[in-house]
Amino acid sequence: MRRYKLYGLLSTACAAGYIWLAITYHQQVTKSMEAGVCIFKYITHVPCPSCGSTRSVLSLMNGNLLDALLWNPFGILLMTILVVSPFWILYDLVSRKSTLLNVYIKTELLLKRQWITVPAVLIVVMNWIWNISKGL
């Protein structure tokens, strides 16, 4: 993947994430809607592995780490990406470096290794089972 394509996609995803969090936060504060809309759950009536991530990030924003973990531990990873990515992209653009792209490429290569992929998939599946058992 080329540098500007990755940075454009990541910037767009972060912007969409911030917009979604703002909308969801406002709706949660005004009590006009429960946080989160999952298309997978809407169609299948079964929560997906990432169900609860929005509520997890909102819990983190309110300073409640335990609630964030209980909603969905992936929310902590998501929040980290949302906070770090814009600054990292800006750093690379200003310094004319490709550090984020290099980390992305190395991570992609690492994830192609079976000894990493299998445990990563198992973690996602275990989180999915946990989401189903919690009745999200």
Foldseek 3Di string as FASTA:
>chain_A
DDQVVVLVVLVVVLVVVVVLLVVQVVCVVVVVDHHDDDPVCVVVVADALCQQLSVLLVCVVVVNNVVSVLSHPVNVVVNVSSVPSVVVSVVCVVVVHRPVVVVVVVVVVVCVDPVNVVVVVVVSVVSSVSRRVVSD
